[in-house]
Amino acid sequence: MSLTHFDKSGQAHMVDVSGKAESAREAVAEGCVVMSPETLSLAEGGAKKGDVMGVARLAGIMGAKRTSDLIPLCHPLPISKVTLDLRPDPGLPGIRVTATVRTTGRTGVEMEALTAVSTACLTIYDMLKAPRRA
């Protein structure tokens, strides 16, 4: 088995997908941010920084759209749809983040879905970290 992002001499290169047919592509990724029950209650509407879930959703969408700027050798893609579902889960306790990304193209959108989830989770952490330090 060989790695597709390296040529025969071991040099990194962008994979040539020009010979592939375009098809509908979809990827789903999930992540979570674990926190104290008190912090989770802030995420659900009491945070001083505002609408944590709304800002994280927007950050995830922006992250998906900028994936090729962040991940070396990742193809820039015309993304058709990005959705982020952020759900408080008292059982963690924390927030579960699910991203679904769609396009029609020659390569998949897995990296975009993973970047969307990562960006949303990092935003949640950033917006809710202050209460732990107090």
Protein backbone atom coordinates (compact mmCIF):
# COMPACT_ATOMS: atom_id res chain seq x y z
CA MET A 1 0.00 0.00 0.00
CA SER A 2 1.28 3.48 -0.81
CA LEU A 3 0.41 6.95 0.44
CA THR A 4 -1.26 9.10 -2.21
CA HIS A 5 0.31 12.41 -1.18
CA PHE A 6 3.84 11.26 -2.03
CA ASP A 7 5.27 10.57 -5.48
CA LYS A 8 7.50 7.62 -6.38
CA SER A 9 10.58 9.40 -5.05
CA GLY A 10 8.91 10.27 -1.74
CA GLN A 11 8.26 13.93 -2.48
CA ALA A 12 5.01 15.47 -1.27
CA HIS A 13 2.56 16.42 -4.02
CA MET A 14 -1.10 17.21 -4.54
CA VAL A 15 -3.02 14.16 -5.74
CA ASP A 16 -4.15 14.41 -9.36
CA VAL A 17 -7.91 13.88 -9.40
CA SER A 18 -8.47 15.15 -12.94
CA GLY A 19 -9.14 11.64 -14.24
CA LYS A 20 -11.95 10.98 -11.75
CA ALA A 21 -15.58 11.51 -12.63
CA GLU A 22 -17.51 14.08 -10.65
CA SER A 23 -19.96 12.63 -8.16
CA ALA A 24 -21.98 13.69 -5.15
CA ARG A 25 -19.78 13.64 -2.06
CA GLU A 26 -20.74 13.81 1.60
CA ALA A 27 -18.79 13.45 4.81
CA VAL A 28 -19.91 13.51 8.43
CA ALA A 29 -17.58 14.10 11.36
CA GLU A 30 -18.28 14.30 15.08
CA GLY A 31 -16.43 15.66 18.06
CA CYS A 32 -17.21 16.77 21.57
CA VAL A 33 -16.04 19.21 24.19
CA VAL A 34 -16.25 17.84 27.74
CA MET A 35 -16.81 20.34 30.55
CA SER A 36 -18.24 20.68 34.01
CA PRO A 37 -22.03 20.76 34.40
CA GLU A 38 -21.75 24.41 35.49
CA THR A 39 -19.88 25.36 32.33
CA LEU A 40 -22.39 23.45 30.21
CA SER A 41 -25.17 25.57 31.69
CA LEU A 42 -23.25 28.68 30.57
CA ALA A 43 -22.99 27.26 27.05
CA GLU A 44 -26.75 26.85 26.99
CA GLY A 45 -27.37 30.54 27.38
CA GLY A 46 -25.53 32.17 30.25
CA ALA A 47 -22.06 32.92 28.87
CA LYS A 48 -20.79 36.50 29.09
CA LYS A 49 -19.36 36.27 25.57
CA GLY A 50 -22.82 35.67 24.09
CA ASP A 51 -24.34 32.93 21.95
CA VAL A 52 -21.70 30.21 22.28
CA MET A 53 -23.52 27.69 20.08
CA GLY A 54 -24.29 30.22 17.33
CA VAL A 55 -20.72 31.51 17.20
CA ALA A 56 -19.32 27.95 17.19
CA ARG A 57 -21.68 26.96 14.36
CA LEU A 58 -20.51 29.93 12.29
CA ALA A 59 -16.86 29.15 13.08
CA GLY A 60 -17.36 25.56 11.92
CA ILE A 61 -18.87 26.68 8.63
CA MET A 62 -16.01 29.12 8.10
CA GLY A 63 -13.48 26.41 8.96
CA ALA A 64 -14.93 24.04 6.37
CA LYS A 65 -14.73 26.75 3.72
CA ARG A 66 -11.07 27.49 4.54
CA THR A 67 -9.81 23.90 4.80
CA SER A 68 -7.51 24.08 1.78
CA ASP A 69 -5.82 27.15 3.34
CA LEU A 70 -5.09 25.17 6.51
CA ILE A 71 -4.25 21.63 5.37
CA PRO A 72 -1.28 21.27 3.03
CA LEU A 73 -2.06 19.56 -0.30
CA CYS A 74 -5.82 19.68 0.31
CA HIS A 75 -7.80 20.55 -2.82
CA PRO A 76 -9.89 23.73 -2.70
CA LEU A 77 -13.47 22.57 -3.21
CA PRO A 78 -16.73 24.22 -4.18
CA ILE A 79 -18.66 23.25 -1.07
CA SER A 80 -22.40 22.95 -1.66
CA LYS A 81 -23.58 22.59 1.93
CA VAL A 82 -22.20 22.69 5.46
CA THR A 83 -24.37 21.97 8.48
CA LEU A 84 -23.31 21.86 12.09
CA ASP A 85 -25.41 20.31 14.80
CA LEU A 86 -24.37 21.33 18.33
CA ARG A 87 -26.14 19.48 21.11
CA PRO A 88 -25.68 19.81 24.83
CA ASP A 89 -25.16 16.36 26.37
CA PRO A 90 -25.50 16.28 30.15
CA GLY A 91 -24.20 12.71 30.08
CA LEU A 92 -20.69 13.83 29.05
CA PRO A 93 -21.19 16.52 30.37
CA GLY A 94 -20.45 18.69 27.35
CA ILE A 95 -21.38 19.55 23.80
CA ARG A 96 -21.49 17.13 20.87
CA VAL A 97 -20.68 18.69 17.51
CA THR A 98 -21.61 16.99 14.22
CA ALA A 99 -20.66 18.47 10.84
CA THR A 100 -22.04 17.35 7.50
CA VAL A 101 -20.38 18.67 4.34
CA ARG A 102 -21.51 18.14 0.74
CA THR A 103 -20.16 18.88 -2.71
CA THR A 104 -20.20 17.54 -6.22
CA GLY A 105 -16.65 16.92 -7.31
CA ARG A 106 -13.72 14.60 -7.93
CA THR A 107 -12.57 14.29 -4.33
CA GLY A 108 -14.22 13.86 -0.96
CA VAL A 109 -15.01 16.39 1.73
CA GLU A 110 -13.74 14.44 4.75
CA MET A 111 -11.11 17.04 5.59
CA GLU A 112 -13.71 19.81 5.40
CA ALA A 113 -16.02 17.97 7.81
CA LEU A 114 -13.16 17.31 10.24
CA THR A 115 -12.01 20.93 10.04
CA ALA A 116 -15.56 22.15 10.65
CA VAL A 117 -15.85 20.04 13.81
CA SER A 118 -12.37 21.01 15.03
CA THR A 119 -13.01 24.72 14.50
CA ALA A 120 -16.40 24.58 16.23
CA CYS A 121 -14.97 22.64 19.20
CA LEU A 122 -12.05 25.06 19.56
CA THR A 123 -14.48 27.99 19.49
CA ILE A 124 -16.60 26.41 22.21
CA TYR A 125 -13.51 25.89 24.34
CA ASP A 126 -12.29 29.44 23.73
CA MET A 127 -15.62 31.02 24.63
CA LEU A 128 -16.09 28.95 27.79
CA LYS A 129 -12.55 28.76 29.20
CA ALA A 130 -12.71 31.92 31.33
CA PRO A 131 -15.04 30.56 34.06
CA ARG A 132 -12.59 27.71 34.83
CA ARG A 133 -9.80 30.20 35.45
CA ALA A 134 -11.80 32.36 37.85
